[in-house]
Amino acid sequence: MAKGGGLFAVDGALLRTPDTPELRDHFGSGNTPSERQTPFPMLRLVALMNVRSHVILDAQLSPYRRSEMRLADEFLQQIPDHSVTLFDKGFWGAELLSSLSSAGSNRHWLIPAKKGLVCEEVSRYSQHDRLVRMKVSPQARKRNPALPSHWEVREVSYEIQGKVKTVMTSLPVDTYNAKAVAKLYQERWEIELGFRDIKSSMQQNAMTLRSKKVELIYQEVWGLLLAYNVIRREASQAAVAFGRAPSDIRFKPACQYIAVQLIVMAAANPISATGRRLAELRAGIGGLFLDHRPRPSRPRTVKISKTRFPVDRKAAPLK
């Protein structure tokens, strides 16, 4: 849990658009192993999300070929002081992470270590916790001449499900021990769940976006993000009223319930009763909390599915 500040996450997602010459020319698409283009043009979305409330603070949209890191640069200033930001491994870079730390007060970050990373140990805090020094790439220093030739970060290793994971962070060792850092990074998956809610619950698993014009594609996605935030905000208000965490609310039923209630509310009179109707809406969300059932202590097993017909185990295999 973040101590004394907010916890945020930055990640990217891809949204497919209808396959028209105009959209493919503007958004572009990826290459397949056979060197052919993917079936649909793709729009790139990079978002900054509050991990606890799942509300999106800022987002950037672009054609497929634009870098996620350059898009993330656009909203670094939106990250408040005294906060921790969780990144996916695709955002690894001295320029981005150093800019985040230096742009404010106590703005910390946490990101998986890049494979094949070359570094030297400066000091060791424990067996799985140390401070390392790395070179800043010439490309990063060319884009930002203010960057030093080397930078120091903290490296923390931990084991999960029998595999050793390593993360890099700017969090101070006297406030966050290795166990706290490892636990904190597990919350990065909350932004993945937010993207899933948009694609699955709000878009109903549609193969592509609906619009067939470039400007309408952007309008459609911004509309999705605004609607998502309205739902998350109302759900968060309801969760606070019931003394629960916003992440405890089931998104799909809440999405359907809030959408219907807001449509009815828009046509209701008198307008002065809107506050009372919002209170009633949030009270209705109280029945949409997740049930946290305890997991069994024994390991899970898969039973053999029985056939309806007798099996001759001595029979010769089919040729």
C-alpha atoms as a PDB file:
ATOM      1  CA  MET A   1       0.000   0.000   0.000  1.00  0.00           C
ATOM      2  CA  ALA A   2       1.284   3.468  -0.856  1.00  0.00           C
ATOM      3  CA  LYS A   3       2.210   5.334   2.314  1.00  0.00           C
ATOM      4  CA  GLY A   4       1.098   8.939   2.583  1.00  0.00           C
ATOM      5  CA  GLY A   5       0.165   9.477  -1.065  1.00  0.00           C
ATOM      6  CA  GLY A   6      -1.636   8.226  -4.132  1.00  0.00           C
ATOM      7  CA  LEU A   7      -0.936   5.086  -6.102  1.00  0.00           C
ATOM      8  CA  PHE A   8      -1.131   5.323  -9.894  1.00  0.00           C
ATOM      9  CA  ALA A   9      -0.391   3.144 -12.899  1.00  0.00           C
ATOM     10  CA  VAL A  10       0.579   3.889 -16.499  1.00  0.00           C
ATOM     11  CA  ASP A  11       0.005   1.384 -19.282  1.00  0.00           C
ATOM     12  CA  GLY A  12      -1.055   1.136 -22.893  1.00  0.00           C
ATOM     13  CA  ALA A  13      -3.731  -0.721 -24.835  1.00  0.00           C
ATOM     14  CA  LEU A  14      -4.644  -1.238 -28.489  1.00  0.00           C
ATOM     15  CA  LEU A  15      -8.121  -0.788 -29.960  1.00  0.00           C
ATOM     16  CA  ARG A  16      -9.041  -2.162 -33.393  1.00  0.00           C
ATOM     17  CA  THR A  17     -10.857   0.018 -35.904  1.00  0.00           C
ATOM     18  CA  PRO A  18     -12.887  -1.034 -38.967  1.00  0.00           C
ATOM     19  CA  ASP A  19     -10.704  -1.870 -41.959  1.00  0.00           C
ATOM     20  CA  THR A  20     -11.150   1.024 -44.374  1.00  0.00           C
ATOM     21  CA  PRO A  21      -8.447   2.667 -46.544  1.00  0.00           C
ATOM     22  CA  GLU A  22      -8.811   5.947 -44.648  1.00  0.00           C
ATOM     23  CA  LEU A  23      -8.429   4.365 -41.201  1.00  0.00           C
ATOM     24  CA  ARG A  24      -5.577   2.071 -42.235  1.00  0.00           C
ATOM     25  CA  ASP A  25      -3.713   4.998 -43.780  1.00  0.00           C
ATOM     26  CA  HIS A  26      -4.106   7.104 -40.620  1.00  0.00           C
ATOM     27  CA  PHE A  27      -3.759   4.590 -37.777  1.00  0.00           C
ATOM     28  CA  GLY A  28      -1.591   1.923 -39.394  1.00  0.00           C
ATOM     29  CA  SER A  29      -1.230  -1.615 -38.058  1.00  0.00           C
ATOM     30  CA  GLY A  30       1.313  -4.183 -36.973  1.00  0.00           C
ATOM     31  CA  ASN A  31       3.162  -6.772 -39.014  1.00  0.00           C
ATOM     32  CA  THR A  32       2.429 -10.488 -38.744  1.00  0.00           C
ATOM     33  CA  PRO A  33       5.113 -13.236 -38.873  1.00  0.00           C
ATOM     34  CA  SER A  34       4.263 -13.672 -42.557  1.00  0.00           C
ATOM     35  CA  GLU A  35       5.131  -9.983 -43.170  1.00  0.00           C
ATOM     36  CA  ARG A  36       1.494  -9.150 -43.829  1.00  0.00           C
ATOM     37  CA  GLN A  37      -0.419  -6.414 -42.076  1.00  0.00           C
ATOM     38  CA  THR A  38      -2.760  -7.324 -39.228  1.00  0.00           C
ATOM     39  CA  PRO A  39      -6.438  -7.658 -40.238  1.00  0.00           C
ATOM     40  CA  PHE A  40      -7.497  -4.348 -38.665  1.00  0.00           C
ATOM     41  CA  PRO A  41      -5.952  -0.895 -38.205  1.00  0.00           C
ATOM     42  CA  MET A  42      -5.141  -0.182 -34.562  1.00  0.00           C
ATOM     43  CA  LEU A  43      -5.357   2.876 -32.343  1.00  0.00           C
ATOM     44  CA  ARG A  44      -2.929   3.187 -29.433  1.00  0.00           C
ATOM     45  CA  LEU A  45      -4.183   4.286 -26.017  1.00  0.00           C
ATOM     46  CA  VAL A  46      -1.903   5.161 -23.085  1.00  0.00           C
ATOM     47  CA  ALA A  47      -3.592   6.016 -19.795  1.00  0.00           C
ATOM     48  CA  LEU A  48      -2.771   7.228 -16.295  1.00  0.00           C
ATOM     49  CA  MET A  49      -5.076   5.546 -13.772  1.00  0.00           C
ATOM     50  CA  ASN A  50      -5.663   5.854 -10.044  1.00  0.00           C
ATOM     51  CA  VAL A  51      -5.120   2.254  -8.956  1.00  0.00           C
ATOM     52  CA  ARG A  52      -7.453   2.428  -5.954  1.00  0.00           C
ATOM     53  CA  SER A  53     -10.488   4.076  -7.584  1.00  0.00           C
ATOM     54  CA  HIS A  54      -9.764   2.927 -11.185  1.00  0.00           C
ATOM     55  CA  VAL A  55     -10.537   6.477 -12.383  1.00  0.00           C
ATOM     56  CA  ILE A  56      -8.510   7.561 -15.439  1.00  0.00           C
ATOM     57  CA  LEU A  57      -6.724  10.839 -14.710  1.00  0.00           C
ATOM     58  CA  ASP A  58      -5.381  11.398 -18.213  1.00  0.00           C
ATOM     59  CA  ALA A  59      -4.966   9.572 -21.514  1.00  0.00           C
ATOM     60  CA  GLN A  60      -3.335   9.989 -24.903  1.00  0.00           C
ATOM     61  CA  LEU A  61      -4.539   8.551 -28.228  1.00  0.00           C
ATOM     62  CA  SER A  62      -2.411   8.071 -31.317  1.00  0.00           C
ATOM     63  CA  PRO A  63      -1.861   5.918 -34.414  1.00  0.00           C
ATOM     64  CA  TYR A  64      -0.341   2.493 -33.833  1.00  0.00           C
ATOM     65  CA  ARG A  65       3.249   3.365 -34.764  1.00  0.00           C
ATOM     66  CA  ARG A  66       3.757   6.051 -32.118  1.00  0.00           C
ATOM     67  CA  SER A  67       5.783   5.085 -29.034  1.00  0.00           C
ATOM     68  CA  GLU A  68       3.992   4.502 -25.722  1.00  0.00           C
ATOM     69  CA  MET A  69       6.826   6.246 -23.887  1.00  0.00           C
ATOM     70  CA  ARG A  70       6.472   9.441 -25.902  1.00  0.00           C
ATOM     71  CA  LEU A  71       2.729   9.432 -25.248  1.00  0.00           C
ATOM     72  CA  ALA A  72       3.328   8.976 -21.514  1.00  0.00           C
ATOM     73  CA  ASP A  73       5.606  12.038 -21.550  1.00  0.00           C
ATOM     74  CA  GLU A  74       2.527  14.137 -22.272  1.00  0.00           C
ATOM     75  CA  PHE A  75       0.869  13.572 -18.892  1.00  0.00           C
ATOM     76  CA  LEU A  76       3.762  13.211 -16.436  1.00  0.00           C
ATOM     77  CA  GLN A  77       2.860  16.646 -15.062  1.00  0.00           C
ATOM     78  CA  GLN A  78      -0.569  15.286 -14.081  1.00  0.00           C
ATOM     79  CA  ILE A  79       0.972  12.917 -11.535  1.00  0.00           C
ATOM     80  CA  PRO A  80       0.699  14.545  -8.080  1.00  0.00           C
ATOM     81  CA  ASP A  81       3.452  14.875  -5.510  1.00  0.00           C
ATOM     82  CA  HIS A  82       3.908  12.276  -2.744  1.00  0.00           C
ATOM     83  CA  SER A  83       2.818   9.446  -5.020  1.00  0.00           C
ATOM     84  CA  VAL A  84       3.980   6.127  -6.454  1.00  0.00           C
ATOM     85  CA  THR A  85       3.476   5.301 -10.145  1.00  0.00           C
ATOM     86  CA  LEU A  86       3.583   1.714 -11.405  1.00  0.00           C
ATOM     87  CA  PHE A  87       4.803   1.168 -14.963  1.00  0.00           C
ATOM     88  CA  ASP A  88       4.786  -1.738 -17.381  1.00  0.00           C
ATOM     89  CA  LYS A  89       8.197  -2.920 -18.601  1.00  0.00           C
ATOM     90  CA  GLY A  90       7.648  -1.164 -21.951  1.00  0.00           C
ATOM     91  CA  PHE A  91       8.166   2.212 -20.263  1.00  0.00           C
ATOM     92  CA  TRP A  92      11.702   1.506 -19.062  1.00  0.00           C
ATOM     93  CA  GLY A  93      14.024   4.442 -19.742  1.00  0.00           C
ATOM     94  CA  ALA A  94      16.168   6.923 -17.831  1.00  0.00           C
ATOM     95  CA  GLU A  95      14.584   9.917 -19.555  1.00  0.00           C
ATOM     96  CA  LEU A  96      10.986   9.103 -18.615  1.00  0.00           C
ATOM     97  CA  LEU A  97      11.654   7.880 -15.076  1.00  0.00           C
ATOM     98  CA  SER A  98      14.138  10.617 -14.180  1.00  0.00           C
ATOM     99  CA  SER A  99      11.744  13.258 -15.498  1.00  0.00           C
ATOM    100  CA  LEU A 100       8.979  11.889 -13.289  1.00  0.00           C
ATOM    101  CA  SER A 101      11.145  11.993 -10.156  1.00  0.00           C
ATOM    102  CA  SER A 102      12.543  15.463 -10.818  1.00  0.00           C
ATOM    103  CA  ALA A 103       9.252  17.084 -11.860  1.00  0.00           C
ATOM    104  CA  GLY A 104       7.891  17.296  -8.309  1.00  0.00           C
ATOM    105  CA  SER A 105       8.304  16.311  -4.680  1.00  0.00           C
ATOM    106  CA  ASN A 106       8.432  12.636  -3.668  1.00  0.00           C
ATOM    107  CA  ARG A 107       7.212  11.326  -7.011  1.00  0.00           C
ATOM    108  CA  HIS A 108       8.372   7.730  -6.984  1.00  0.00           C
ATOM    109  CA  TRP A 109       8.113   4.972  -9.603  1.00  0.00           C
ATOM    110  CA  LEU A 110       8.214   1.181  -9.794  1.00  0.00           C
ATOM    111  CA  ILE A 111       8.892  -0.867 -12.949  1.00  0.00           C
ATOM    112  CA  PRO A 112      10.041  -4.402 -13.899  1.00  0.00           C
ATOM    113  CA  ALA A 113      13.735  -4.766 -14.659  1.00  0.00           C
ATOM    114  CA  LYS A 114      14.709  -5.001 -18.300  1.00  0.00           C
ATOM    115  CA  LYS A 115      16.257  -8.296 -19.408  1.00  0.00           C
ATOM    116  CA  GLY A 116      19.997  -8.221 -20.025  1.00  0.00           C
ATOM    117  CA  LEU A 117      20.399  -5.001 -18.058  1.00  0.00           C
ATOM    118  CA  VAL A 118      24.054  -4.052 -17.464  1.00  0.00           C
ATOM    119  CA  CYS A 119      24.667  -2.444 -14.077  1.00  0.00           C
ATOM    120  CA  GLU A 120      27.159  -2.284 -11.235  1.00  0.00           C
ATOM    121  CA  GLU A 121      26.362  -2.642  -7.546  1.00  0.00           C
ATOM    122  CA  VAL A 122      26.804   0.482  -5.437  1.00  0.00           C
ATOM    123  CA  SER A 123      25.568  -0.848  -2.096  1.00  0.00           C
ATOM    124  CA  ARG A 124      23.534  -3.784  -0.788  1.00  0.00           C
ATOM    125  CA  TYR A 125      20.678  -3.463   1.685  1.00  0.00           C
ATOM    126  CA  SER A 126      19.839  -7.169   1.959  1.00  0.00           C
ATOM    127  CA  GLN A 127      20.179 -10.403   0.005  1.00  0.00           C
ATOM    128  CA  HIS A 128      17.511  -9.377  -2.524  1.00  0.00           C
ATOM    129  CA  ASP A 129      17.736  -5.598  -2.259  1.00  0.00           C
ATOM    130  CA  ARG A 130      20.535  -3.392  -3.570  1.00  0.00           C
ATOM    131  CA  LEU A 131      21.409  -0.040  -5.139  1.00  0.00           C
ATOM    132  CA  VAL A 132      22.846  -0.196  -8.671  1.00  0.00           C
ATOM    133  CA  ARG A 133      24.372   2.264 -11.143  1.00  0.00           C
ATOM    134  CA  MET A 134      23.672   2.223 -14.884  1.00  0.00           C
ATOM    135  CA  LYS A 135      24.710   4.201 -17.941  1.00  0.00           C
ATOM    136  CA  VAL A 136      22.242   6.565 -19.563  1.00  0.00           C
ATOM    137  CA  SER A 137      21.928   5.783 -23.274  1.00  0.00           C
ATOM    138  CA  PRO A 138      23.318   8.293 -25.803  1.00  0.00           C
ATOM    139  CA  GLN A 139      19.862   8.489 -27.425  1.00  0.00           C
ATOM    140  CA  ALA A 140      18.264   9.601 -24.150  1.00  0.00           C
ATOM    141  CA  ARG A 141      20.993  12.186 -23.509  1.00  0.00           C
ATOM    142  CA  LYS A 142      20.562  13.530 -27.031  1.00  0.00           C
ATOM    143  CA  ARG A 143      16.830  14.068 -26.448  1.00  0.00           C
ATOM    144  CA  ASN A 144      17.470  15.511 -22.984  1.00  0.00           C
ATOM    145  CA  PRO A 145      20.980  16.991 -22.545  1.00  0.00           C
ATOM    146  CA  ALA A 146      20.259  17.623 -18.846  1.00  0.00           C
ATOM    147  CA  LEU A 147      20.468  13.888 -18.102  1.00  0.00           C
ATOM    148  CA  PRO A 148      23.657  12.684 -16.358  1.00  0.00           C
ATOM    149  CA  SER A 149      25.950  10.050 -17.837  1.00  0.00           C
ATOM    150  CA  HIS A 150      24.936   7.548 -15.118  1.00  0.00           C
ATOM    151  CA  TRP A 151      21.947   7.093 -12.834  1.00  0.00           C
ATOM    152  CA  GLU A 152      21.324   5.055  -9.702  1.00  0.00           C
ATOM    153  CA  VAL A 153      18.211   3.018  -8.951  1.00  0.00           C
ATOM    154  CA  ARG A 154      17.168   0.449  -6.392  1.00  0.00           C
ATOM    155  CA  GLU A 155      16.854  -3.182  -7.516  1.00  0.00           C
ATOM    156  CA  VAL A 156      14.540  -5.553  -5.614  1.00  0.00           C
ATOM    157  CA  SER A 157      14.140  -9.275  -6.356  1.00  0.00           C
ATOM    158  CA  TYR A 158      11.369 -11.517  -5.034  1.00  0.00           C
ATOM    159  CA  GLU A 159       9.890 -14.918  -5.734  1.00  0.00           C
ATOM    160  CA  ILE A 160       6.314 -15.517  -6.849  1.00  0.00           C
ATOM    161  CA  GLN A 161       4.900 -18.905  -7.851  1.00  0.00           C
ATOM    162  CA  GLY A 162       8.393 -20.353  -7.993  1.00  0.00           C
ATOM    163  CA  LYS A 163       9.762 -17.666 -10.343  1.00  0.00           C
ATOM    164  CA  VAL A 164      12.188 -14.895  -9.418  1.00  0.00           C
ATOM    165  CA  LYS A 165      11.027 -11.416 -10.439  1.00  0.00           C
ATOM    166  CA  THR A 166      13.097  -8.240 -10.355  1.00  0.00           C
ATOM    167  CA  VAL A 167      11.805  -4.681 -10.202  1.00  0.00           C
ATOM    168  CA  MET A 168      13.541  -1.311 -10.243  1.00  0.00           C
ATOM    169  CA  THR A 169      12.317   1.570  -8.125  1.00  0.00           C
ATOM    170  CA  SER A 170      13.084   4.990  -6.698  1.00  0.00           C
ATOM    171  CA  LEU A 171      11.330   4.178  -3.398  1.00  0.00           C
ATOM    172  CA  PRO A 172      13.507   4.782  -0.317  1.00  0.00           C
ATOM    173  CA  VAL A 173      14.669   1.673   1.514  1.00  0.00           C
ATOM    174  CA  ASP A 174      13.964   3.173   4.947  1.00  0.00           C
ATOM    175  CA  THR A 175      10.252   3.502   4.093  1.00  0.00           C
ATOM    176  CA  TYR A 176       9.651   0.493   1.829  1.00  0.00           C
ATOM    177  CA  ASN A 177      11.427  -2.778   2.512  1.00  0.00           C
ATOM    178  CA  ALA A 178      11.810  -5.393  -0.232  1.00  0.00           C
ATOM    179  CA  LYS A 179       8.612  -7.200   0.785  1.00  0.00           C
ATOM    180  CA  ALA A 180       6.582  -3.968   0.663  1.00  0.00           C
ATOM    181  CA  VAL A 181       7.956  -3.118  -2.789  1.00  0.00           C
ATOM    182  CA  ALA A 182       7.069  -6.573  -4.139  1.00  0.00           C
ATOM    183  CA  LYS A 183       3.551  -6.363  -2.694  1.00  0.00           C
ATOM    184  CA  LEU A 184       3.033  -2.867  -4.052  1.00  0.00           C
ATOM    185  CA  TYR A 185       3.886  -3.838  -7.625  1.00  0.00           C
ATOM    186  CA  GLN A 186       1.181  -6.531  -7.648  1.00  0.00           C
ATOM    187  CA  GLU A 187      -1.376  -3.721  -7.807  1.00  0.00           C
ATOM    188  CA  ARG A 188      -0.227  -2.746 -11.294  1.00  0.00           C
ATOM    189  CA  TRP A 189      -2.690  -5.309 -12.638  1.00  0.00           C
ATOM    190  CA  GLU A 190      -5.554  -3.022 -11.624  1.00  0.00           C
ATOM    191  CA  ILE A 191      -5.020  -0.915 -14.754  1.00  0.00           C
ATOM    192  CA  GLU A 192      -5.185  -4.092 -16.855  1.00  0.00           C
ATOM    193  CA  LEU A 193      -8.558  -4.808 -15.258  1.00  0.00           C
ATOM    194  CA  GLY A 194      -9.661  -1.278 -16.148  1.00  0.00           C
ATOM    195  CA  PHE A 195      -8.803  -1.815 -19.819  1.00  0.00           C
ATOM    196  CA  ARG A 196     -10.625  -5.164 -19.691  1.00  0.00           C
ATOM    197  CA  ASP A 197     -13.735  -3.453 -18.311  1.00  0.00           C
ATOM    198  CA  ILE A 198     -13.723  -0.970 -21.200  1.00  0.00           C
ATOM    199  CA  LYS A 199     -13.201  -3.594 -23.898  1.00  0.00           C
ATOM    200  CA  SER A 200     -15.352  -6.373 -22.458  1.00  0.00           C
ATOM    201  CA  SER A 201     -18.171  -4.753 -20.467  1.00  0.00           C
ATOM    202  CA  MET A 202     -18.584  -1.414 -22.234  1.00  0.00           C
ATOM    203  CA  GLN A 203     -17.799  -2.553 -25.789  1.00  0.00           C
ATOM    204  CA  GLN A 204     -19.390  -5.974 -25.204  1.00  0.00           C
ATOM    205  CA  ASN A 205     -16.315  -7.700 -26.664  1.00  0.00           C
ATOM    206  CA  ALA A 206     -16.861  -6.053 -30.050  1.00  0.00           C
ATOM    207  CA  MET A 207     -14.193  -6.900 -32.590  1.00  0.00           C
ATOM    208  CA  THR A 208     -13.699  -3.256 -33.611  1.00  0.00           C
ATOM    209  CA  LEU A 209     -14.829   0.236 -32.756  1.00  0.00           C
ATOM    210  CA  ARG A 210     -18.021   1.330 -34.536  1.00  0.00           C
ATOM    211  CA  SER A 211     -16.970   4.545 -36.284  1.00  0.00           C
ATOM    212  CA  LYS A 212     -15.525   4.563 -39.810  1.00  0.00           C
ATOM    213  CA  LYS A 213     -14.066   8.078 -39.944  1.00  0.00           C
ATOM    214  CA  VAL A 214     -10.824   9.184 -38.309  1.00  0.00           C
ATOM    215  CA  GLU A 215     -12.321  12.073 -36.345  1.00  0.00           C
ATOM    216  CA  LEU A 216     -15.266   9.920 -35.242  1.00  0.00           C
ATOM    217  CA  ILE A 217     -12.913   7.176 -34.022  1.00  0.00           C
ATOM    218  CA  TYR A 218     -11.241   9.651 -31.681  1.00  0.00           C
ATOM    219  CA  GLN A 219     -14.628  10.952 -30.524  1.00  0.00           C
ATOM    220  CA  GLU A 220     -15.834   7.419 -29.856  1.00  0.00           C
ATOM    221  CA  VAL A 221     -12.818   6.508 -27.722  1.00  0.00           C
ATOM    222  CA  TRP A 222     -12.949   9.744 -25.746  1.00  0.00           C
ATOM    223  CA  GLY A 223     -16.644   9.070 -25.179  1.00  0.00           C
ATOM    224  CA  LEU A 224     -15.819   5.582 -23.887  1.00  0.00           C
ATOM    225  CA  LEU A 225     -13.231   6.979 -21.481  1.00  0.00           C
ATOM    226  CA  LEU A 226     -15.581   9.691 -20.206  1.00  0.00           C
ATOM    227  CA  ALA A 227     -18.409   7.193 -19.693  1.00  0.00           C
ATOM    228  CA  TYR A 228     -16.000   4.835 -17.933  1.00  0.00           C
ATOM    229  CA  ASN A 229     -14.952   7.616 -15.552  1.00  0.00           C
ATOM    230  CA  VAL A 230     -18.577   8.530 -14.789  1.00  0.00           C
ATOM    231  CA  ILE A 231     -19.290   4.918 -13.846  1.00  0.00           C
ATOM    232  CA  ARG A 232     -16.116   4.613 -11.780  1.00  0.00           C
ATOM    233  CA  ARG A 233     -16.763   7.913 -10.005  1.00  0.00           C
ATOM    234  CA  GLU A 234     -20.301   6.969  -9.002  1.00  0.00           C
ATOM    235  CA  ALA A 235     -19.151   3.500  -7.971  1.00  0.00           C
ATOM    236  CA  SER A 236     -16.356   5.044  -5.871  1.00  0.00           C
ATOM    237  CA  GLN A 237     -18.789   7.404  -4.147  1.00  0.00           C
ATOM    238  CA  ALA A 238     -21.049   4.462  -3.341  1.00  0.00           C
ATOM    239  CA  ALA A 239     -18.136   2.380  -2.056  1.00  0.00           C
ATOM    240  CA  VAL A 240     -17.046   5.173   0.297  1.00  0.00           C
ATOM    241  CA  ALA A 241     -20.614   5.503   1.601  1.00  0.00           C
ATOM    242  CA  PHE A 242     -20.673   1.779   2.427  1.00  0.00           C
ATOM    243  CA  GLY A 243     -17.164   1.744   3.874  1.00  0.00           C
ATOM    244  CA  ARG A 244     -15.805  -0.475   1.105  1.00  0.00           C
ATOM    245  CA  ALA A 245     -13.005  -0.163  -1.449  1.00  0.00           C
ATOM    246  CA  PRO A 246     -14.005   1.007  -4.974  1.00  0.00           C
ATOM    247  CA  SER A 247     -12.359  -2.103  -6.437  1.00  0.00           C
ATOM    248  CA  ASP A 248     -14.859  -4.259  -4.505  1.00  0.00           C
ATOM    249  CA  ILE A 249     -17.692  -3.255  -6.857  1.00  0.00           C
ATOM    250  CA  ARG A 250     -18.515  -5.516  -9.804  1.00  0.00           C
ATOM    251  CA  PHE A 251     -18.029  -3.321 -12.849  1.00  0.00           C
ATOM    252  CA  LYS A 252     -20.358  -4.929 -15.403  1.00  0.00           C
ATOM    253  CA  PRO A 253     -23.544  -4.863 -13.255  1.00  0.00           C
ATOM    254  CA  ALA A 254     -22.602  -1.373 -12.029  1.00  0.00           C
ATOM    255  CA  CYS A 255     -22.144  -0.204 -15.634  1.00  0.00           C
ATOM    256  CA  GLN A 256     -25.569  -1.487 -16.667  1.00  0.00           C
ATOM    257  CA  TYR A 257     -27.290  -0.149 -13.540  1.00  0.00           C
ATOM    258  CA  ILE A 258     -25.719   3.329 -13.638  1.00  0.00           C
ATOM    259  CA  ALA A 259     -26.323   3.720 -17.392  1.00  0.00           C
ATOM    260  CA  VAL A 260     -30.042   2.991 -17.012  1.00  0.00           C
ATOM    261  CA  GLN A 261     -30.407   5.228 -13.951  1.00  0.00           C
ATOM    262  CA  LEU A 262     -28.654   8.185 -15.592  1.00  0.00           C
ATOM    263  CA  ILE A 263     -30.839   7.904 -18.709  1.00  0.00           C
ATOM    264  CA  VAL A 264     -33.969   7.952 -16.533  1.00  0.00           C
ATOM    265  CA  MET A 265     -32.561  10.765 -14.396  1.00  0.00           C
ATOM    266  CA  ALA A 266     -31.894  12.954 -17.453  1.00  0.00           C
ATOM    267  CA  ALA A 267     -35.615  13.086 -18.256  1.00  0.00           C
ATOM    268  CA  ALA A 268     -36.836  13.335 -14.652  1.00  0.00           C
ATOM    269  CA  ASN A 269     -38.356  16.443 -13.092  1.00  0.00           C
ATOM    270  CA  PRO A 270     -37.846  18.540 -11.067  1.00  0.00           C
ATOM    271  CA  ILE A 271     -34.158  19.153 -11.721  1.00  0.00           C
ATOM    272  CA  SER A 272     -33.733  20.337  -8.121  1.00  0.00           C
ATOM    273  CA  ALA A 273     -34.153  16.702  -6.975  1.00  0.00           C
ATOM    274  CA  THR A 274     -31.014  15.543  -8.811  1.00  0.00           C
ATOM    275  CA  GLY A 275     -29.042  15.333  -5.564  1.00  0.00           C
ATOM    276  CA  ARG A 276     -31.623  13.021  -4.004  1.00  0.00           C
ATOM    277  CA  ARG A 277     -31.696  10.838  -7.123  1.00  0.00           C
ATOM    278  CA  LEU A 278     -27.887  10.522  -7.098  1.00  0.00           C
ATOM    279  CA  ALA A 279     -28.045   9.432  -3.457  1.00  0.00           C
ATOM    280  CA  GLU A 280     -30.640   6.805  -4.406  1.00  0.00           C
ATOM    281  CA  LEU A 281     -28.455   5.678  -7.322  1.00  0.00           C
ATOM    282  CA  ARG A 282     -25.464   5.182  -5.030  1.00  0.00           C
ATOM    283  CA  ALA A 283     -27.611   3.345  -2.508  1.00  0.00           C
ATOM    284  CA  GLY A 284     -28.653   0.921  -5.248  1.00  0.00           C
ATOM    285  CA  ILE A 285     -25.015   0.145  -6.022  1.00  0.00           C
ATOM    286  CA  GLY A 286     -24.719  -1.259  -2.504  1.00  0.00           C
ATOM    287  CA  GLY A 287     -25.925  -4.642  -3.730  1.00  0.00           C
ATOM    288  CA  LEU A 288     -23.213  -4.935  -6.387  1.00  0.00           C
ATOM    289  CA  PHE A 289     -20.181  -5.632  -4.207  1.00  0.00           C
ATOM    290  CA  LEU A 290     -17.957  -8.621  -4.858  1.00  0.00           C
ATOM    291  CA  ASP A 291     -18.178 -11.530  -2.452  1.00  0.00           C
ATOM    292  CA  HIS A 292     -14.685 -12.354  -1.229  1.00  0.00           C
ATOM    293  CA  ARG A 293     -15.008 -16.078  -0.648  1.00  0.00           C
ATOM    294  CA  PRO A 294     -12.122 -17.729   1.207  1.00  0.00           C
ATOM    295  CA  ARG A 295     -10.000 -20.038  -0.909  1.00  0.00           C
ATOM    296  CA  PRO A 296      -9.606 -23.647   0.264  1.00  0.00           C
ATOM    297  CA  SER A 297      -6.346 -24.438   2.020  1.00  0.00           C
ATOM    298  CA  ARG A 298      -5.837 -27.591  -0.025  1.00  0.00           C
ATOM    299  CA  PRO A 299      -4.345 -27.368  -3.549  1.00  0.00           C
ATOM    300  CA  ARG A 300      -6.768 -27.370  -6.464  1.00  0.00           C
ATOM    301  CA  THR A 301      -7.104 -30.562  -8.494  1.00  0.00           C
ATOM    302  CA  VAL A 302      -8.717 -31.390 -11.813  1.00  0.00           C
ATOM    303  CA  LYS A 303     -10.883 -34.482 -11.893  1.00  0.00           C
ATOM    304  CA  ILE A 304     -10.834 -36.828 -14.876  1.00  0.00           C
ATOM    305  CA  SER A 305     -13.904 -36.378 -17.069  1.00  0.00           C
ATOM    306  CA  LYS A 306     -15.716 -39.689 -17.295  1.00  0.00           C
ATOM    307  CA  THR A 307     -16.901 -40.982 -20.640  1.00  0.00           C
ATOM    308  CA  ARG A 308     -20.457 -42.220 -21.087  1.00  0.00           C
ATOM    309  CA  PHE A 309     -19.271 -45.405 -22.765  1.00  0.00           C
ATOM    310  CA  PRO A 310     -17.087 -48.269 -21.491  1.00  0.00           C
ATOM    311  CA  VAL A 311     -13.426 -48.072 -22.439  1.00  0.00           C
ATOM    312  CA  ASP A 312     -11.361 -51.092 -23.479  1.00  0.00           C
ATOM    313  CA  ARG A 313      -7.924 -50.119 -22.201  1.00  0.00           C
ATOM    314  CA  LYS A 314      -6.332 -53.183 -23.840  1.00  0.00           C
ATOM    315  CA  ALA A 315      -7.522 -52.248 -27.317  1.00  0.00           C
ATOM    316  CA  ALA A 316      -4.923 -51.514 -29.993  1.00  0.00           C
ATOM    317  CA  PRO A 317      -4.539 -47.813 -30.909  1.00  0.00           C
ATOM    318  CA  LEU A 318      -6.198 -46.568 -34.068  1.00  0.00           C
ATOM    319  CA  LYS A 319      -3.954 -46.354 -37.129  1.00  0.00           C
END
